Amino acid sequence: MAAIVGVGRWVLHLPGCTSLKMKRRIVRGLRDRLQTRHRVSAAETDFQDKWQKAEICVAVVAADASVAQDLLARLDQYVGSDPRVVVIERETVLY
């Protein structure tokens, strides 16, 4: 039985950020909540030097493609529901 790996990627606009320190606090909090509540691997993967832009990626491993897809859909809904961010771009891929 082969494992399914799912990857989710979100490019975010953070309209209220006025410094890198503020941005990092928001992104770190979102990343940590994704990891803790949903038991996925998550990281900030791009735009580290931009105040109002961030990219977060997550990786999930499941035995079934539908389970991985359902989890990625829940994660997408969770990221999109954060009032401090606006999702500019989203992508999910299964391997």
N, C-alpha and C. Protein backbone atom coordinates (compact mmCIF):
# COMPACT_ATOMS: atom_id res chain seq x y z
N MET A 1 0.85 -1.18 0.00
CA MET A 1 0.00 0.00 0.00
C MET A 1 0.89 1.24 0.00
N ALA A 2 0.65 2.13 -0.92
CA ALA A 2 1.46 3.33 -1.05
C ALA A 2 0.83 4.49 -0.29
N ALA A 3 1.67 5.31 0.27
CA ALA A 3 1.19 6.50 0.98
C ALA A 3 0.97 7.62 -0.02
N ILE A 4 0.02 8.48 0.30
CA ILE A 4 -0.27 9.66 -0.50
C ILE A 4 0.29 10.87 0.24
N VAL A 5 1.02 11.70 -0.48
CA VAL A 5 1.55 12.94 0.09
C VAL A 5 0.79 14.09 -0.55
N GLY A 6 0.25 14.95 0.28
CA GLY A 6 -0.46 16.13 -0.20
C GLY A 6 0.30 17.39 0.21
N VAL A 7 0.34 18.35 -0.70
CA VAL A 7 1.01 19.62 -0.43
C VAL A 7 0.01 20.74 -0.68
N GLY A 8 -0.10 21.63 0.29
CA GLY A 8 -0.94 22.82 0.14
C GLY A 8 -0.06 24.05 0.21
N ARG A 9 -0.36 25.02 -0.65
CA ARG A 9 0.43 26.26 -0.69
C ARG A 9 -0.51 27.45 -0.77
N TRP A 10 -0.25 28.45 0.07
CA TRP A 10 -1.04 29.67 0.08
C TRP A 10 -0.12 30.88 0.03
N VAL A 11 -0.41 31.78 -0.89
CA VAL A 11 0.26 33.08 -0.91
C VAL A 11 -0.72 34.04 -0.25
N LEU A 12 -0.24 34.75 0.75
CA LEU A 12 -1.10 35.58 1.59
C LEU A 12 -0.72 37.04 1.50
N HIS A 13 -1.73 37.89 1.55
CA HIS A 13 -1.54 39.34 1.73
C HIS A 13 -1.94 39.65 3.16
N LEU A 14 -1.09 40.41 3.86
CA LEU A 14 -1.35 40.78 5.25
C LEU A 14 -1.53 42.29 5.30
N PRO A 15 -2.75 42.77 5.05
CA PRO A 15 -2.97 44.20 4.86
C PRO A 15 -2.69 45.06 6.09
N GLY A 16 -2.77 44.52 7.28
CA GLY A 16 -2.57 45.32 8.48
C GLY A 16 -1.13 45.40 8.96
N CYS A 17 -0.23 44.70 8.31
CA CYS A 17 1.16 44.65 8.78
C CYS A 17 1.91 45.94 8.45
N THR A 18 2.61 46.43 9.46
CA THR A 18 3.42 47.64 9.28
C THR A 18 4.89 47.38 9.55
N SER A 19 5.25 46.11 9.84
CA SER A 19 6.65 45.77 10.08
C SER A 19 6.85 44.28 9.88
N LEU A 20 8.10 43.88 9.71
CA LEU A 20 8.40 42.46 9.61
C LEU A 20 8.10 41.74 10.91
N LYS A 21 8.30 42.42 12.03
CA LYS A 21 8.03 41.82 13.33
C LYS A 21 6.54 41.46 13.46
N MET A 22 5.67 42.35 13.04
CA MET A 22 4.23 42.10 13.09
C MET A 22 3.87 40.96 12.14
N LYS A 23 4.44 40.97 10.95
CA LYS A 23 4.17 39.92 9.97
C LYS A 23 4.59 38.56 10.53
N ARG A 24 5.78 38.50 11.09
CA ARG A 24 6.28 37.22 11.61
C ARG A 24 5.40 36.69 12.74
N ARG A 25 4.88 37.57 13.56
CA ARG A 25 4.00 37.14 14.64
C ARG A 25 2.73 36.51 14.07
N ILE A 26 2.15 37.12 13.04
CA ILE A 26 0.93 36.59 12.42
C ILE A 26 1.21 35.26 11.72
N VAL A 27 2.27 35.23 10.92
CA VAL A 27 2.58 34.03 10.15
C VAL A 27 2.98 32.89 11.07
N ARG A 28 3.77 33.17 12.07
CA ARG A 28 4.18 32.13 13.02
C ARG A 28 2.96 31.56 13.74
N GLY A 29 2.05 32.43 14.16
CA GLY A 29 0.85 31.97 14.84
C GLY A 29 0.00 31.08 13.95
N LEU A 30 -0.20 31.48 12.70
CA LEU A 30 -0.99 30.68 11.77
C LEU A 30 -0.30 29.34 11.51
N ARG A 31 1.00 29.37 11.26
CA ARG A 31 1.76 28.15 11.02
C ARG A 31 1.68 27.20 12.22
N ASP A 32 1.87 27.74 13.41
CA ASP A 32 1.83 26.90 14.62
C ASP A 32 0.45 26.29 14.85
N ARG A 33 -0.60 27.06 14.59
CA ARG A 33 -1.96 26.52 14.75
C ARG A 33 -2.24 25.42 13.72
N LEU A 34 -1.75 25.59 12.49
CA LEU A 34 -1.91 24.54 11.49
C LEU A 34 -1.24 23.25 11.95
N GLN A 35 -0.03 23.37 12.47
CA GLN A 35 0.72 22.20 12.93
C GLN A 35 0.06 21.54 14.13
N THR A 36 -0.35 22.35 15.09
CA THR A 36 -0.89 21.81 16.34
C THR A 36 -2.29 21.23 16.17
N ARG A 37 -3.17 21.96 15.53
CA ARG A 37 -4.57 21.52 15.43
C ARG A 37 -4.80 20.45 14.38
N HIS A 38 -3.99 20.46 13.33
CA HIS A 38 -4.24 19.55 12.21
C HIS A 38 -3.14 18.52 12.01
N ARG A 39 -2.11 18.58 12.84
CA ARG A 39 -1.01 17.61 12.79
C ARG A 39 -0.41 17.48 11.41
N VAL A 40 -0.02 18.60 10.83
CA VAL A 40 0.64 18.64 9.53
C VAL A 40 1.99 19.34 9.70
N SER A 41 2.84 19.17 8.72
CA SER A 41 4.08 19.93 8.69
C SER A 41 3.79 21.24 7.95
N ALA A 42 4.24 22.35 8.50
CA ALA A 42 3.98 23.66 7.89
C ALA A 42 5.21 24.54 8.00
N ALA A 43 5.38 25.40 6.99
CA ALA A 43 6.53 26.30 7.00
C ALA A 43 6.20 27.55 6.18
N GLU A 44 6.84 28.66 6.56
CA GLU A 44 6.82 29.86 5.72
C GLU A 44 7.90 29.65 4.68
N THR A 45 7.53 29.69 3.40
CA THR A 45 8.45 29.27 2.35
C THR A 45 8.91 30.36 1.39
N ASP A 46 8.34 31.54 1.46
CA ASP A 46 8.75 32.62 0.55
C ASP A 46 8.33 33.97 1.11
N PHE A 47 8.88 35.01 0.54
CA PHE A 47 8.57 36.41 0.87
C PHE A 47 8.93 36.78 2.30
N GLN A 48 9.99 36.19 2.85
CA GLN A 48 10.37 36.47 4.23
C GLN A 48 10.75 37.94 4.45
N ASP A 49 11.17 38.63 3.40
CA ASP A 49 11.59 40.03 3.55
C ASP A 49 10.50 41.03 3.18
N LYS A 50 9.30 40.57 2.89
CA LYS A 50 8.18 41.46 2.54
C LYS A 50 7.26 41.63 3.74
N TRP A 51 6.85 42.86 4.02
CA TRP A 51 6.01 43.15 5.18
C TRP A 51 4.61 42.59 5.05
N GLN A 52 4.04 42.69 3.86
CA GLN A 52 2.62 42.37 3.73
C GLN A 52 2.34 41.17 2.82
N LYS A 53 3.35 40.34 2.61
CA LYS A 53 3.16 39.17 1.75
C LYS A 53 3.87 37.98 2.38
N ALA A 54 3.24 36.80 2.31
CA ALA A 54 3.83 35.59 2.87
C ALA A 54 3.36 34.40 2.05
N GLU A 55 4.15 33.34 2.12
CA GLU A 55 3.75 32.06 1.53
C GLU A 55 3.90 31.00 2.60
N ILE A 56 2.85 30.22 2.79
CA ILE A 56 2.87 29.11 3.74
C ILE A 56 2.58 27.84 2.96
N CYS A 57 3.37 26.79 3.25
CA CYS A 57 3.14 25.48 2.65
C CYS A 57 2.94 24.46 3.76
N VAL A 58 2.10 23.47 3.48
CA VAL A 58 1.90 22.36 4.40
C VAL A 58 2.09 21.05 3.64
N ALA A 59 2.47 20.01 4.38
CA ALA A 59 2.58 18.67 3.83
C ALA A 59 1.78 17.72 4.71
N VAL A 60 1.02 16.85 4.07
CA VAL A 60 0.24 15.84 4.79
C VAL A 60 0.54 14.47 4.17
N VAL A 61 0.47 13.45 4.99
CA VAL A 61 0.65 12.08 4.52
C VAL A 61 -0.57 11.28 4.95
N ALA A 62 -1.12 10.54 3.99
CA ALA A 62 -2.32 9.74 4.28
C ALA A 62 -2.25 8.44 3.50
N ALA A 63 -3.04 7.48 3.93
CA ALA A 63 -3.10 6.19 3.24
C ALA A 63 -4.00 6.24 2.03
N ASP A 64 -4.87 7.25 1.98
CA ASP A 64 -5.88 7.33 0.92
C ASP A 64 -5.91 8.75 0.36
N ALA A 65 -6.04 8.87 -0.95
CA ALA A 65 -6.05 10.18 -1.61
C ALA A 65 -7.22 11.04 -1.15
N SER A 66 -8.38 10.43 -0.91
CA SER A 66 -9.54 11.23 -0.50
C SER A 66 -9.35 11.80 0.90
N VAL A 67 -8.67 11.07 1.77
CA VAL A 67 -8.39 11.58 3.12
C VAL A 67 -7.45 12.79 3.03
N ALA A 68 -6.41 12.67 2.22
CA ALA A 68 -5.47 13.78 2.05
C ALA A 68 -6.17 14.99 1.44
N GLN A 69 -7.01 14.76 0.43
CA GLN A 69 -7.72 15.87 -0.22
C GLN A 69 -8.69 16.54 0.74
N ASP A 70 -9.39 15.76 1.55
CA ASP A 70 -10.32 16.33 2.54
C ASP A 70 -9.58 17.18 3.57
N LEU A 71 -8.43 16.69 4.03
CA LEU A 71 -7.65 17.46 4.99
C LEU A 71 -7.14 18.75 4.37
N LEU A 72 -6.65 18.70 3.14
CA LEU A 72 -6.18 19.92 2.47
C LEU A 72 -7.33 20.91 2.27
N ALA A 73 -8.52 20.42 2.00
CA ALA A 73 -9.68 21.31 1.85
C ALA A 73 -10.01 21.98 3.19
N ARG A 74 -9.93 21.23 4.30
CA ARG A 74 -10.17 21.81 5.62
C ARG A 74 -9.09 22.85 5.96
N LEU A 75 -7.85 22.55 5.60
CA LEU A 75 -6.77 23.50 5.84
C LEU A 75 -6.97 24.78 5.02
N ASP A 76 -7.42 24.63 3.79
CA ASP A 76 -7.69 25.79 2.94
C ASP A 76 -8.77 26.66 3.55
N GLN A 77 -9.81 26.03 4.06
CA GLN A 77 -10.89 26.77 4.72
C GLN A 77 -10.37 27.46 5.98
N TYR A 78 -9.52 26.79 6.72
CA TYR A 78 -8.96 27.35 7.96
C TYR A 78 -8.09 28.57 7.66
N VAL A 79 -7.20 28.45 6.68
CA VAL A 79 -6.33 29.58 6.33
C VAL A 79 -7.18 30.75 5.83
N GLY A 80 -8.16 30.47 4.99
CA GLY A 80 -9.01 31.52 4.45
C GLY A 80 -9.89 32.19 5.48
N SER A 81 -10.11 31.54 6.62
CA SER A 81 -10.97 32.13 7.64
C SER A 81 -10.22 33.06 8.60
N ASP A 82 -8.91 33.11 8.51
CA ASP A 82 -8.14 33.99 9.39
C ASP A 82 -8.37 35.44 8.96
N PRO A 83 -8.93 36.28 9.83
CA PRO A 83 -9.26 37.65 9.43
C PRO A 83 -8.06 38.55 9.19
N ARG A 84 -6.87 38.12 9.58
CA ARG A 84 -5.67 38.96 9.41
C ARG A 84 -5.02 38.78 8.06
N VAL A 85 -5.47 37.79 7.28
CA VAL A 85 -4.84 37.51 6.00
C VAL A 85 -5.87 37.45 4.88
N VAL A 86 -5.40 37.74 3.67
CA VAL A 86 -6.20 37.59 2.46
C VAL A 86 -5.45 36.60 1.58
N VAL A 87 -6.12 35.52 1.19
CA VAL A 87 -5.48 34.52 0.33
C VAL A 87 -5.46 35.06 -1.10
N ILE A 88 -4.25 35.24 -1.63
CA ILE A 88 -4.05 35.72 -2.99
C ILE A 88 -4.03 34.56 -3.98
N GLU A 89 -3.38 33.49 -3.55
CA GLU A 89 -3.20 32.33 -4.42
C GLU A 89 -3.22 31.08 -3.56
N ARG A 90 -3.79 30.02 -4.09
CA ARG A 90 -3.83 28.74 -3.38
C ARG A 90 -3.57 27.61 -4.37
N GLU A 91 -2.97 26.55 -3.85
CA GLU A 91 -2.66 25.40 -4.69
C GLU A 91 -2.59 24.15 -3.83
N THR A 92 -3.15 23.05 -4.31
CA THR A 92 -3.00 21.76 -3.64
C THR A 92 -2.58 20.73 -4.68
N VAL A 93 -1.67 19.85 -4.26
CA VAL A 93 -1.17 18.81 -5.15
C VAL A 93 -1.06 17.51 -4.35
N LEU A 94 -1.43 16.42 -4.99
CA LEU A 94 -1.28 15.10 -4.38
C LEU A 94 -0.22 14.33 -5.15
N TYR A 95 0.63 13.63 -4.42
CA TYR A 95 1.68 12.80 -5.02
C TYR A 95 1.48 11.36 -4.61
